[in-house]
């Protein structure tokens, strides 16, 4: 499948922007990590990131209040705290399956939809056929879901791909290991919007890999920005298309990587967020 498809598996170059200090030996107690495996792990992160591209979010929630913040010097284009501060609007209280739904027909509603859809599309559940079908049908427009579902099924069931990332044929982790796939939205930005459509960029960090003593693909962190095109359909925001790019990537602190046991406990004990913004 080509890089432009829903599940592109091509590797991406190292950014050279982060540093991680590992404990003595392999972080998960196995043999030293080989370059080929590192590449496979990064390929998987790319796949998850591409899936997450299906998120959409719209401009600054309190955009209409910006005029009151402008001063007489004409610096009305400078960033304001409101662009990253909490909106103050209560989150939606409805769900379609496990995914928040019923977002407001506003720019803030679009941003919320995009952030939440990104979380769903970047989850480990995407590797389960039944869950994947539900997620795709929930976050995409009906037309887009119909055209993308078969391509996603083919990609996620590819045995070679699953083997490269350390999963067994049914998309689950080997015995004694835990599969980790999470997306954590950092921020959203609306680049264009209209009555029933919006283009939103979602900046997020992704955790991906296998935790466990025998893992050769330890959980790693990556950063992406995905641009989502959203459409107001059936009383909610839905994704029609997306594009993904690497970064912005922050400079990493010189911290020691956690052990396999600590990472597994964290994944099991800390639940992921289901609502953003």
Protein backbone atom coordinates (compact mmCIF):
# COMPACT_ATOMS: atom_id res chain seq x y z
CA UNK A 1 0.00 0.00 0.00
CA UNK A 2 1.29 3.40 -0.85
CA UNK A 3 2.10 6.10 1.73
CA UNK A 4 -1.00 8.01 0.72
CA UNK A 5 -3.36 5.19 1.66
CA UNK A 6 -5.11 4.96 4.99
CA UNK A 7 -2.46 2.62 6.37
CA UNK A 8 0.91 3.60 4.96
CA UNK A 9 3.68 1.45 6.33
CA UNK A 10 6.73 3.26 5.03
CA UNK A 11 9.46 4.18 7.48
CA UNK A 12 10.28 7.76 8.31
CA UNK A 13 13.69 9.24 9.01
CA UNK A 14 14.92 9.85 12.52
CA UNK A 15 14.36 13.40 13.67
CA UNK A 16 17.42 13.57 15.90
CA UNK A 17 15.51 15.88 18.21
CA UNK A 18 15.06 13.69 21.27
CA UNK A 19 17.30 11.81 23.68
CA UNK A 20 16.37 8.89 25.89
CA UNK A 21 18.77 7.41 28.43
CA UNK A 22 18.11 3.68 28.73
CA UNK A 23 18.90 1.48 31.70
CA UNK A 24 21.85 -0.88 31.42
CA UNK A 25 21.21 -3.36 28.63
CA UNK A 26 17.92 -3.55 26.75
CA UNK A 27 15.10 -1.59 28.46
CA UNK A 28 12.95 -4.72 28.46
CA UNK A 29 15.66 -7.11 29.53
CA UNK A 30 16.18 -8.78 26.16
CA UNK A 31 18.88 -8.68 23.53
CA UNK A 32 20.15 -5.29 22.36
CA UNK A 33 17.70 -3.55 20.06
CA UNK A 34 18.65 -4.02 16.45
CA UNK A 35 18.35 -1.36 13.83
CA UNK A 36 15.88 -3.38 11.78
CA UNK A 37 13.57 -3.83 14.72
CA UNK A 38 13.75 -0.15 15.54
CA UNK A 39 12.69 0.58 12.00
CA UNK A 40 9.79 -1.84 12.27
CA UNK A 41 8.67 -0.25 15.51
CA UNK A 42 8.82 3.19 13.97
CA UNK A 43 6.89 1.91 10.96
CA UNK A 44 4.11 0.82 13.25
CA UNK A 45 4.02 4.16 14.97
CA UNK A 46 3.64 5.72 11.55
CA UNK A 47 0.70 3.46 10.81
CA UNK A 48 -1.08 4.38 13.98
CA UNK A 49 -0.34 8.03 13.35
CA UNK A 50 -1.83 7.73 9.89
CA UNK A 51 -4.98 6.22 11.31
CA UNK A 52 -5.24 8.98 13.80
CA UNK A 53 -5.16 11.40 10.94
CA UNK A 54 -8.85 10.76 10.77
CA UNK A 55 -9.42 13.36 13.45
CA UNK A 56 -10.96 16.76 12.79
CA UNK A 57 -11.22 19.95 14.92
CA UNK A 58 -12.16 23.55 14.25
CA UNK A 59 -10.76 26.95 15.18
CA UNK A 60 -10.50 28.71 18.49
CA UNK A 61 -13.61 28.26 20.62
CA UNK A 62 -13.85 31.82 21.88
CA UNK A 63 -12.81 33.40 18.62
CA UNK A 64 -15.66 35.84 18.79
CA UNK A 65 -14.23 37.31 22.00
CA UNK A 66 -10.83 38.11 20.47
CA UNK A 67 -11.81 41.64 19.49
CA UNK A 68 -12.15 42.66 23.11
CA UNK A 69 -8.58 41.58 23.74
CA UNK A 70 -7.09 43.70 20.95
CA UNK A 71 -5.15 46.73 22.09
CA UNK A 72 -4.63 50.08 20.41
CA UNK A 73 -1.23 49.04 19.06
CA UNK A 74 -2.83 46.84 16.42
CA UNK A 75 -1.29 43.59 17.74
CA UNK A 76 -4.52 41.73 17.08
CA UNK A 77 -2.80 38.79 15.40
CA UNK A 78 -0.65 37.75 18.34
CA UNK A 79 -1.41 34.43 20.10
CA UNK A 80 -3.67 34.63 23.13
CA UNK A 81 -4.03 32.38 26.14
CA UNK A 82 -7.59 31.58 25.06
CA UNK A 83 -6.24 29.47 22.22
CA UNK A 84 -4.92 26.89 24.67
CA UNK A 85 -6.92 27.57 27.81
CA UNK A 86 -9.94 25.52 28.79
CA UNK A 87 -13.01 26.65 26.88
CA UNK A 88 -15.38 26.56 29.84
CA UNK A 89 -18.03 24.75 27.80
CA UNK A 90 -19.24 21.48 29.27
CA UNK A 91 -18.23 18.33 27.36
CA UNK A 92 -20.76 16.24 25.48
CA UNK A 93 -22.56 13.60 27.55
CA UNK A 94 -23.49 11.24 24.71
CA UNK A 95 -21.54 8.44 23.06
CA UNK A 96 -21.72 6.20 20.03
CA UNK A 97 -20.37 2.97 21.44
CA UNK A 98 -17.37 4.15 23.46
CA UNK A 99 -16.67 7.28 21.39
CA UNK A 100 -18.02 10.70 22.44
CA UNK A 101 -20.52 12.09 19.92
CA UNK A 102 -23.11 14.81 19.48
CA UNK A 103 -20.59 17.66 19.26
CA UNK A 104 -21.76 21.25 18.92
CA UNK A 105 -22.17 22.74 15.44
CA UNK A 106 -19.44 25.25 16.21
CA UNK A 107 -15.69 25.59 15.76
CA UNK A 108 -15.13 24.37 19.30
CA UNK A 109 -17.36 21.39 18.60
CA UNK A 110 -15.26 20.52 15.57
CA UNK A 111 -12.05 20.74 17.56
CA UNK A 112 -13.49 18.49 20.24
CA UNK A 113 -14.62 15.97 17.64
CA UNK A 114 -11.20 15.91 16.00
CA UNK A 115 -9.32 15.40 19.25
CA UNK A 116 -11.60 12.61 20.39
CA UNK A 117 -11.61 10.88 17.01
CA UNK A 118 -7.82 10.95 17.03
CA UNK A 119 -7.80 9.10 20.33
CA UNK A 120 -10.14 6.43 18.97
CA UNK A 121 -8.29 6.01 15.67
CA UNK A 122 -4.95 5.69 17.43
CA UNK A 123 -6.14 3.10 19.93
CA UNK A 124 -5.23 -0.58 20.16
CA UNK A 125 -8.87 -1.37 19.38
CA UNK A 126 -8.17 -0.52 15.74
CA UNK A 127 -6.37 -3.87 15.52
CA UNK A 128 -9.57 -5.74 16.38
CA UNK A 129 -11.89 -6.18 13.39
CA UNK A 130 -15.21 -5.63 15.19
CA UNK A 131 -13.93 -2.59 17.11
CA UNK A 132 -12.28 -1.15 14.00
CA UNK A 133 -15.51 -1.32 12.02
CA UNK A 134 -17.37 0.48 14.79
CA UNK A 135 -14.72 3.19 15.10
CA UNK A 136 -14.52 3.84 11.35
CA UNK A 137 -18.30 4.01 10.94
CA UNK A 138 -18.51 6.42 13.88
CA UNK A 139 -15.80 8.95 13.02
CA UNK A 140 -16.06 9.01 9.20
CA UNK A 141 -18.86 10.27 7.00
CA UNK A 142 -20.91 7.34 5.59
CA UNK A 143 -19.36 7.74 2.13
CA UNK A 144 -15.80 7.93 3.45
CA UNK A 145 -16.31 4.99 5.80
CA UNK A 146 -17.57 2.80 2.97
CA UNK A 147 -14.58 3.59 0.76
CA UNK A 148 -11.91 3.22 3.48
CA UNK A 149 -13.14 0.20 5.42
CA UNK A 150 -11.87 -2.49 3.05
CA UNK A 151 -8.45 -0.84 2.73
CA UNK A 152 -8.13 -0.66 6.50
CA UNK A 153 -9.19 -4.27 6.93
CA UNK A 154 -6.56 -5.35 4.45
CA UNK A 155 -3.88 -3.30 6.14
CA UNK A 156 -4.61 -4.31 9.72
CA UNK A 157 -4.88 -8.01 8.87
CA UNK A 158 -1.61 -8.16 6.91
CA UNK A 159 0.35 -10.95 8.59
CA UNK A 160 3.75 -9.57 7.61
CA UNK A 161 2.91 -6.18 9.03
CA UNK A 162 1.56 -7.69 12.25
CA UNK A 163 4.67 -9.83 12.62
CA UNK A 164 6.94 -6.82 12.11
CA UNK A 165 5.31 -4.98 14.98
CA UNK A 166 5.33 -8.06 17.22
CA UNK A 167 1.64 -9.02 17.12
CA UNK A 168 0.19 -12.43 16.36
CA UNK A 169 -2.08 -13.13 13.38
CA UNK A 170 -5.28 -11.99 15.09
CA UNK A 171 -3.78 -8.61 16.00
CA UNK A 172 -3.24 -9.36 19.69
CA UNK A 173 -0.04 -9.30 21.73
CA UNK A 174 1.97 -12.47 22.38
CA UNK A 175 1.46 -14.16 25.75
CA UNK A 176 3.14 -12.27 28.56
CA UNK A 177 3.22 -8.93 26.66
CA UNK A 178 0.91 -5.92 26.52
CA UNK A 179 0.18 -4.05 23.31
CA UNK A 180 0.24 -0.29 23.76
CA UNK A 181 -1.24 2.12 21.22
CA UNK A 182 -2.37 5.50 22.50
CA UNK A 183 -2.71 8.99 21.08
CA UNK A 184 -2.62 12.02 23.38
CA UNK A 185 -3.78 15.27 21.73
CA UNK A 186 -1.70 18.30 22.69
CA UNK A 187 -3.59 21.00 20.79
CA UNK A 188 -5.78 21.82 17.81
CA UNK A 189 -5.84 24.62 15.25
CA UNK A 190 -8.48 25.52 12.70
CA UNK A 191 -7.06 26.47 9.32
CA UNK A 192 -10.39 27.00 7.56
CA UNK A 193 -14.06 26.71 8.41
CA UNK A 194 -17.51 27.23 6.99
CA UNK A 195 -21.11 26.50 7.92
CA UNK A 196 -20.88 22.75 7.40
CA UNK A 197 -17.19 22.10 6.93
CA UNK A 198 -13.85 22.68 8.63
CA UNK A 199 -10.19 21.87 8.32
CA UNK A 200 -8.44 21.27 11.62
CA UNK A 201 -4.88 20.42 12.57
CA UNK A 202 -4.34 18.18 15.59
CA UNK A 203 -0.92 18.05 17.21
CA UNK A 204 -0.41 14.93 19.29
CA UNK A 205 2.05 12.51 20.80
CA UNK A 206 1.74 8.77 20.27
CA UNK A 207 2.80 5.81 22.43
CA UNK A 208 3.27 2.58 20.53
CA UNK A 209 4.88 -0.80 21.11
CA UNK A 210 4.86 -3.91 23.28
CA UNK A 211 5.64 -3.94 26.99
CA UNK A 212 6.92 -7.15 28.50
CA UNK A 213 10.22 -8.85 29.29
CA UNK A 214 10.38 -10.60 25.90
CA UNK A 215 9.43 -7.55 23.82
CA UNK A 216 11.76 -6.58 21.00
CA UNK A 217 9.60 -3.55 20.19
CA UNK A 218 9.53 -1.51 23.43
CA UNK A 219 6.97 1.24 23.80
CA UNK A 220 8.25 4.40 22.11
CA UNK A 221 7.04 7.98 21.79
CA UNK A 222 6.49 9.88 18.53
CA UNK A 223 5.03 13.27 17.59
CA UNK A 224 2.77 14.15 14.66
CA UNK A 225 0.42 16.78 13.31
CA UNK A 226 -2.57 15.55 11.36
CA UNK A 227 -4.80 17.76 9.25
CA UNK A 228 -8.42 16.60 9.21
CA UNK A 229 -11.18 17.66 6.89
CA UNK A 230 -14.52 17.57 8.69
CA UNK A 231 -18.08 17.76 7.46
CA UNK A 232 -21.29 18.33 9.37
CA UNK A 233 -23.35 15.21 8.61
CA UNK A 234 -26.38 13.82 10.41
CA UNK A 235 -26.12 16.28 13.27
CA UNK A 236 -22.45 15.71 14.06
CA UNK A 237 -18.92 16.37 12.81
CA UNK A 238 -17.42 13.54 10.74
CA UNK A 239 -14.09 13.02 8.97
CA UNK A 240 -13.86 13.01 5.19
CA UNK A 241 -10.07 12.99 4.69
CA UNK A 242 -6.72 13.65 6.37
CA UNK A 243 -2.99 14.27 5.92
CA UNK A 244 -0.18 13.63 8.39
CA UNK A 245 3.29 15.02 8.98
CA UNK A 246 5.98 14.53 11.61
CA UNK A 247 6.36 16.91 14.55
CA UNK A 248 6.71 19.45 15.97
CA UNK A 249 8.99 17.33 18.17
CA UNK A 250 10.10 18.73 21.56
CA UNK A 251 13.60 18.26 22.93
CA UNK A 252 13.55 15.19 25.17
CA UNK A 253 14.77 15.29 28.76
CA UNK A 254 17.63 13.03 29.73
CA UNK A 255 15.42 10.58 31.60
CA UNK A 256 15.96 6.88 32.19
CA UNK A 257 13.54 4.65 30.27
CA UNK A 258 11.22 2.65 32.53
CA UNK A 259 11.48 -1.11 32.88
CA UNK A 260 9.07 -3.45 31.14
CA UNK A 261 7.31 -4.14 34.44
CA UNK A 262 6.82 -0.45 35.23
CA UNK A 263 5.56 0.27 31.72
CA UNK A 264 3.08 -2.62 31.81
CA UNK A 265 1.75 -1.53 35.20
CA UNK A 266 1.32 2.05 33.96
CA UNK A 267 -0.63 0.95 30.90
CA UNK A 268 -2.87 -1.29 32.96
CA UNK A 269 -3.42 1.13 35.83
CA UNK A 270 -3.75 4.45 33.98
CA UNK A 271 -6.79 4.59 31.75
CA UNK A 272 -6.70 6.74 28.63
CA UNK A 273 -8.80 9.88 28.17
CA UNK A 274 -12.06 9.64 26.29
CA UNK A 275 -12.81 13.36 26.00
CA UNK A 276 -10.60 16.25 24.93
CA UNK A 277 -11.17 20.02 25.02
